[in-house]
Amino acid sequence: MPEKTDQQRHRHNRGSRGGRPPVFDRETYRRRNTIERCFNRLKGFRGIATRYEKTATSYEAAVTLASFLLWARSV
């Protein structure tokens, strides 16, 4: 995630005690954002958001079905 300017300024003021600045890769952040938006859309399905299914196989099937429905709506 991009770093806030006040955090950059505070670390700069601390000098060598400020720690190493985190690396921000724009392409990685863009891909992460896409995945997070996909999860948020999947959570629109109550059974997936609450993990209603008891077995992993049932849950995987529900996620697959929800993914297909989301894809079909976008076409």
N, C-alpha and C. Protein backbone atom coordinates (compact mmCIF):
# COMPACT_ATOMS: atom_id res chain seq x y z
N MET A 1 0.84 -1.17 0.00
CA MET A 1 0.00 0.00 0.00
C MET A 1 0.89 1.24 0.00
N PRO A 2 0.44 2.30 -0.64
CA PRO A 2 1.26 3.51 -0.65
C PRO A 2 1.39 4.08 0.75
N GLU A 3 2.54 4.65 1.00
CA GLU A 3 2.81 5.18 2.32
C GLU A 3 2.34 6.62 2.43
N LYS A 4 1.79 6.98 3.56
CA LYS A 4 1.29 8.34 3.78
C LYS A 4 2.46 9.32 3.88
N THR A 5 2.24 10.53 3.43
CA THR A 5 3.33 11.52 3.41
C THR A 5 3.78 11.89 4.82
N ASP A 6 2.85 11.94 5.79
CA ASP A 6 3.28 12.28 7.15
C ASP A 6 4.15 11.17 7.74
N GLN A 7 3.89 9.92 7.37
CA GLN A 7 4.73 8.82 7.85
C GLN A 7 6.12 8.92 7.24
N GLN A 8 6.19 9.27 5.96
CA GLN A 8 7.49 9.45 5.32
C GLN A 8 8.27 10.56 6.01
N ARG A 9 7.58 11.66 6.28
CA ARG A 9 8.23 12.81 6.91
C ARG A 9 8.73 12.45 8.32
N HIS A 10 7.92 11.74 9.10
CA HIS A 10 8.34 11.35 10.45
C HIS A 10 9.56 10.43 10.40
N ARG A 11 9.56 9.48 9.47
CA ARG A 11 10.70 8.58 9.36
C ARG A 11 11.94 9.34 8.92
N HIS A 12 11.77 10.30 8.02
CA HIS A 12 12.90 11.11 7.56
C HIS A 12 13.48 11.93 8.71
N ASN A 13 12.60 12.47 9.56
CA ASN A 13 13.04 13.27 10.71
C ASN A 13 13.79 12.43 11.73
N ARG A 14 13.46 11.15 11.82
CA ARG A 14 14.14 10.27 12.78
C ARG A 14 15.52 9.86 12.29
N GLY A 15 15.80 10.06 11.02
CA GLY A 15 17.12 9.74 10.49
C GLY A 15 17.36 8.25 10.43
N SER A 16 18.54 7.83 10.90
CA SER A 16 18.90 6.42 10.82
C SER A 16 18.04 5.56 11.74
N ARG A 17 17.40 6.15 12.74
CA ARG A 17 16.52 5.39 13.64
C ARG A 17 15.14 5.18 13.04
N GLY A 18 14.89 5.78 11.87
CA GLY A 18 13.56 5.73 11.27
C GLY A 18 13.21 4.41 10.61
N GLY A 19 14.16 3.55 10.44
CA GLY A 19 13.89 2.27 9.81
C GLY A 19 13.97 2.36 8.29
N ARG A 20 13.93 1.22 7.67
CA ARG A 20 14.03 1.16 6.22
C ARG A 20 12.67 1.45 5.61
N PRO A 21 12.58 2.30 4.61
CA PRO A 21 11.28 2.59 4.01
C PRO A 21 10.72 1.37 3.28
N PRO A 22 9.41 1.15 3.41
CA PRO A 22 8.82 0.02 2.69
C PRO A 22 8.82 0.29 1.19
N VAL A 23 8.93 -0.77 0.44
CA VAL A 23 8.95 -0.66 -1.01
C VAL A 23 7.52 -0.67 -1.53
N PHE A 24 7.22 0.21 -2.46
CA PHE A 24 5.89 0.27 -3.06
C PHE A 24 6.02 -0.07 -4.54
N ASP A 25 5.46 -1.21 -4.93
CA ASP A 25 5.48 -1.62 -6.33
C ASP A 25 4.08 -1.40 -6.90
N ARG A 26 3.97 -0.48 -7.82
CA ARG A 26 2.67 -0.09 -8.36
C ARG A 26 1.96 -1.28 -9.03
N GLU A 27 2.67 -2.11 -9.77
CA GLU A 27 2.05 -3.23 -10.49
C GLU A 27 1.51 -4.28 -9.50
N THR A 28 2.27 -4.58 -8.45
CA THR A 28 1.80 -5.53 -7.45
C THR A 28 0.56 -5.00 -6.73
N TYR A 29 0.57 -3.71 -6.42
CA TYR A 29 -0.59 -3.10 -5.75
C TYR A 29 -1.81 -3.16 -6.65
N ARG A 30 -1.62 -2.95 -7.95
CA ARG A 30 -2.73 -2.99 -8.89
C ARG A 30 -3.35 -4.39 -8.93
N ARG A 31 -2.50 -5.43 -8.94
CA ARG A 31 -3.01 -6.81 -8.95
C ARG A 31 -3.70 -7.15 -7.64
N ARG A 32 -3.14 -6.69 -6.53
CA ARG A 32 -3.74 -6.94 -5.23
C ARG A 32 -5.12 -6.29 -5.14
N ASN A 33 -5.24 -5.09 -5.66
CA ASN A 33 -6.51 -4.38 -5.65
C ASN A 33 -7.57 -5.16 -6.45
N THR A 34 -7.19 -5.72 -7.57
CA THR A 34 -8.11 -6.51 -8.38
C THR A 34 -8.62 -7.72 -7.60
N ILE A 35 -7.72 -8.41 -6.92
CA ILE A 35 -8.10 -9.59 -6.13
C ILE A 35 -9.02 -9.20 -4.98
N GLU A 36 -8.71 -8.10 -4.30
CA GLU A 36 -9.55 -7.67 -3.18
C GLU A 36 -10.96 -7.29 -3.66
N ARG A 37 -11.06 -6.65 -4.81
CA ARG A 37 -12.38 -6.31 -5.34
C ARG A 37 -13.16 -7.57 -5.68
N CYS A 38 -12.46 -8.59 -6.19
CA CYS A 38 -13.12 -9.87 -6.50
C CYS A 38 -13.66 -10.51 -5.22
N PHE A 39 -12.86 -10.52 -4.15
CA PHE A 39 -13.33 -11.09 -2.88
C PHE A 39 -14.54 -10.32 -2.35
N ASN A 40 -14.52 -9.01 -2.48
CA ASN A 40 -15.66 -8.22 -2.01
C ASN A 40 -16.93 -8.55 -2.78
N ARG A 41 -16.80 -8.80 -4.07
CA ARG A 41 -17.98 -9.19 -4.85
C ARG A 41 -18.47 -10.57 -4.44
N LEU A 42 -17.53 -11.47 -4.17
CA LEU A 42 -17.93 -12.81 -3.74
C LEU A 42 -18.63 -12.76 -2.38
N LYS A 43 -18.22 -11.84 -1.53
CA LYS A 43 -18.84 -11.72 -0.21
C LYS A 43 -20.28 -11.22 -0.29
N GLY A 44 -20.68 -10.76 -1.47
CA GLY A 44 -22.08 -10.38 -1.66
C GLY A 44 -23.00 -11.58 -1.57
N PHE A 45 -22.47 -12.75 -1.73
CA PHE A 45 -23.23 -13.99 -1.58
C PHE A 45 -23.16 -14.40 -0.11
N ARG A 46 -24.29 -14.45 0.55
CA ARG A 46 -24.33 -14.68 2.00
C ARG A 46 -23.66 -15.98 2.41
N GLY A 47 -23.89 -17.03 1.64
CA GLY A 47 -23.33 -18.34 1.99
C GLY A 47 -21.81 -18.35 1.97
N ILE A 48 -21.24 -17.54 1.11
CA ILE A 48 -19.78 -17.48 1.03
C ILE A 48 -19.24 -16.59 2.14
N ALA A 49 -19.90 -15.46 2.37
CA ALA A 49 -19.43 -14.52 3.39
C ALA A 49 -19.47 -15.13 4.79
N THR A 50 -20.48 -15.96 5.06
CA THR A 50 -20.63 -16.54 6.39
C THR A 50 -20.09 -17.96 6.47
N ARG A 51 -19.60 -18.48 5.35
CA ARG A 51 -19.11 -19.86 5.26
C ARG A 51 -20.16 -20.82 5.79
N TYR A 52 -21.32 -20.77 5.15
CA TYR A 52 -22.47 -21.57 5.57
C TYR A 52 -22.22 -23.06 5.36
N GLU A 53 -21.53 -23.42 4.27
CA GLU A 53 -21.27 -24.84 3.99
C GLU A 53 -20.30 -25.41 5.01
N LYS A 54 -20.50 -26.67 5.33
CA LYS A 54 -19.68 -27.27 6.38
C LYS A 54 -18.41 -27.92 5.85
N THR A 55 -18.46 -28.44 4.64
CA THR A 55 -17.27 -29.12 4.12
C THR A 55 -16.54 -28.22 3.13
N ALA A 56 -15.26 -28.46 3.00
CA ALA A 56 -14.44 -27.66 2.09
C ALA A 56 -14.89 -27.85 0.65
N THR A 57 -15.33 -29.06 0.31
CA THR A 57 -15.78 -29.34 -1.05
C THR A 57 -17.03 -28.54 -1.39
N SER A 58 -17.97 -28.48 -0.45
CA SER A 58 -19.20 -27.71 -0.67
C SER A 58 -18.88 -26.22 -0.80
N TYR A 59 -17.97 -25.75 0.05
CA TYR A 59 -17.61 -24.33 0.03
C TYR A 59 -16.93 -23.99 -1.30
N GLU A 60 -16.04 -24.85 -1.75
CA GLU A 60 -15.37 -24.62 -3.04
C GLU A 60 -16.38 -24.60 -4.19
N ALA A 61 -17.35 -25.48 -4.13
CA ALA A 61 -18.39 -25.51 -5.17
C ALA A 61 -19.19 -24.21 -5.15
N ALA A 62 -19.50 -23.71 -3.95
CA ALA A 62 -20.26 -22.46 -3.84
C ALA A 62 -19.45 -21.28 -4.39
N VAL A 63 -18.17 -21.25 -4.09
CA VAL A 63 -17.31 -20.17 -4.61
C VAL A 63 -17.23 -20.26 -6.13
N THR A 64 -17.11 -21.47 -6.66
CA THR A 64 -17.05 -21.65 -8.11
C THR A 64 -18.35 -21.20 -8.76
N LEU A 65 -19.46 -21.57 -8.19
CA LEU A 65 -20.76 -21.17 -8.73
C LEU A 65 -20.94 -19.65 -8.67
N ALA A 66 -20.58 -19.05 -7.54
CA ALA A 66 -20.70 -17.60 -7.39
C ALA A 66 -19.78 -16.88 -8.39
N SER A 67 -18.58 -17.41 -8.58
CA SER A 67 -17.66 -16.82 -9.55
C SER A 67 -18.24 -16.88 -10.95
N PHE A 68 -18.84 -18.02 -11.29
CA PHE A 68 -19.46 -18.15 -12.60
C PHE A 68 -20.61 -17.16 -12.77
N LEU A 69 -21.43 -17.01 -11.73
CA LEU A 69 -22.54 -16.06 -11.80
C LEU A 69 -22.04 -14.62 -11.97
N LEU A 70 -20.99 -14.26 -11.25
CA LEU A 70 -20.42 -12.92 -11.40
C LEU A 70 -19.88 -12.72 -12.82
N TRP A 71 -19.23 -13.75 -13.34
CA TRP A 71 -18.70 -13.66 -14.70
C TRP A 71 -19.84 -13.53 -15.70
N ALA A 72 -20.91 -14.31 -15.52
CA ALA A 72 -22.05 -14.27 -16.45
C ALA A 72 -22.72 -12.91 -16.43
N ARG A 73 -22.79 -12.27 -15.27
CA ARG A 73 -23.39 -10.94 -15.19
C ARG A 73 -22.54 -9.91 -15.94
N SER A 74 -21.24 -10.11 -15.95
CA SER A 74 -20.36 -9.11 -16.58
C SER A 74 -20.32 -9.24 -18.10
N VAL A 75 -20.75 -10.37 -18.62
CA VAL A 75 -20.69 -10.59 -20.08
C VAL A 75 -21.87 -9.97 -20.76
